[in-house]
Amino acid sequence: MKIRNPYRNHPQWFRGNTHTHSTLSDGEWPLEQVVAYYRDRGYAFLAMTDHDVFTDLAPFSTPDFVGLAADEVTVRGRDHIVGLRLHGVVEPFSNDHQRTLDAIAAQGGLAILAHPNWSWLTVEQCLAWQGYQAIEILNGVCNYLEYNGYALSWWDQLLRRGVRVWGVAADDAHRIPYQGAKAWIMVNAEALTAEGIVCNIRSGNFYASTGPTFQRFEVDAGTIKAWCSPAVEVRFMTGAVNPALRLRGDALTEAEYTPRPGEAYVRIEVVDAQMQTAWSQPFFLDPDWRP
């Protein structure tokens, strides 16, 4: 069995938000104030994803902060796709998700399906689309507004059906500070550059969080190992209703799991004493692989 480890264990992890809003669309704060809010809280990168507005935050970049070029494209009503590392606005294609994904790809961008639960997207719809690299497994503002910001079961349904897609947590903040700095991703990159951040999101070298941290991941002799900040629970998820392995303690800082035959992937959840969570990306398993 070949275990595909998405993590490279570079020395640095960079915290960032891939989905937020300003007065350029329906946010309450102007662009400059939103950028300052995240930068002042130690964020290393930010994407401004106003609705159907292309915004390049490169002018705000400094040695310790990177602004990404992005757009949140409306496909229909509540259906939105975030495009990162774009070169210009993406035309909204009414009711045509695949054309939107193709347009983002044509610019060399990275596509994230936004708030799938809030948009009432079906798994069957998404199985037919190609070209998205990630989905929002947690959208903070949707949880704030309608309690449906989590899409973990939706993610597992896609993974079980063979879709190799990464999971993102994002604020989607419209009202700051109430909705800001609540959910983020941590990207493992050699250096803090826009290209490096997006490249490592594309390859799955990041994790999502509302609090806890991962330090590193390893695959050793068929066993997946992870090191994390102190946790009260670590779960290894393989798509079943219950975790394949659940560890509990007062300050767990490492855990490991050896996948069983028939499992298609393993992802790791870490929960801290404040009931905040971090989610690894899936380790995909290729059972027919031979060295």
Foldseek 3Di string as FASTA:
>chain_A
DDWFDLADQAQAKFWEFQAAEDPVAQFDHHPVVVVCVCVVVRHQEYEHAHAQAWDFPQVVDDQRHHYWTWYWYDQEDPWTKIKTRFDGGQHHHHPDPQVSLVSSVVRVTAIEGEQCQVVVDDLVVVVPHDRHAAYEQAEQVCCVPPNRRGCVLVVLVNVVVPDQHWYFHHQNDRYPPVRPLQKIKMARFNGRDSVRRRVSVSSQNIKIWRDKAWNDWDADPQKIKTFIWFAQKKFKCQSDPGGPDIDGDQGDGMDMDHDDPPGQWIKMWTAHPVRIIMIGRIGGDDVPDDD
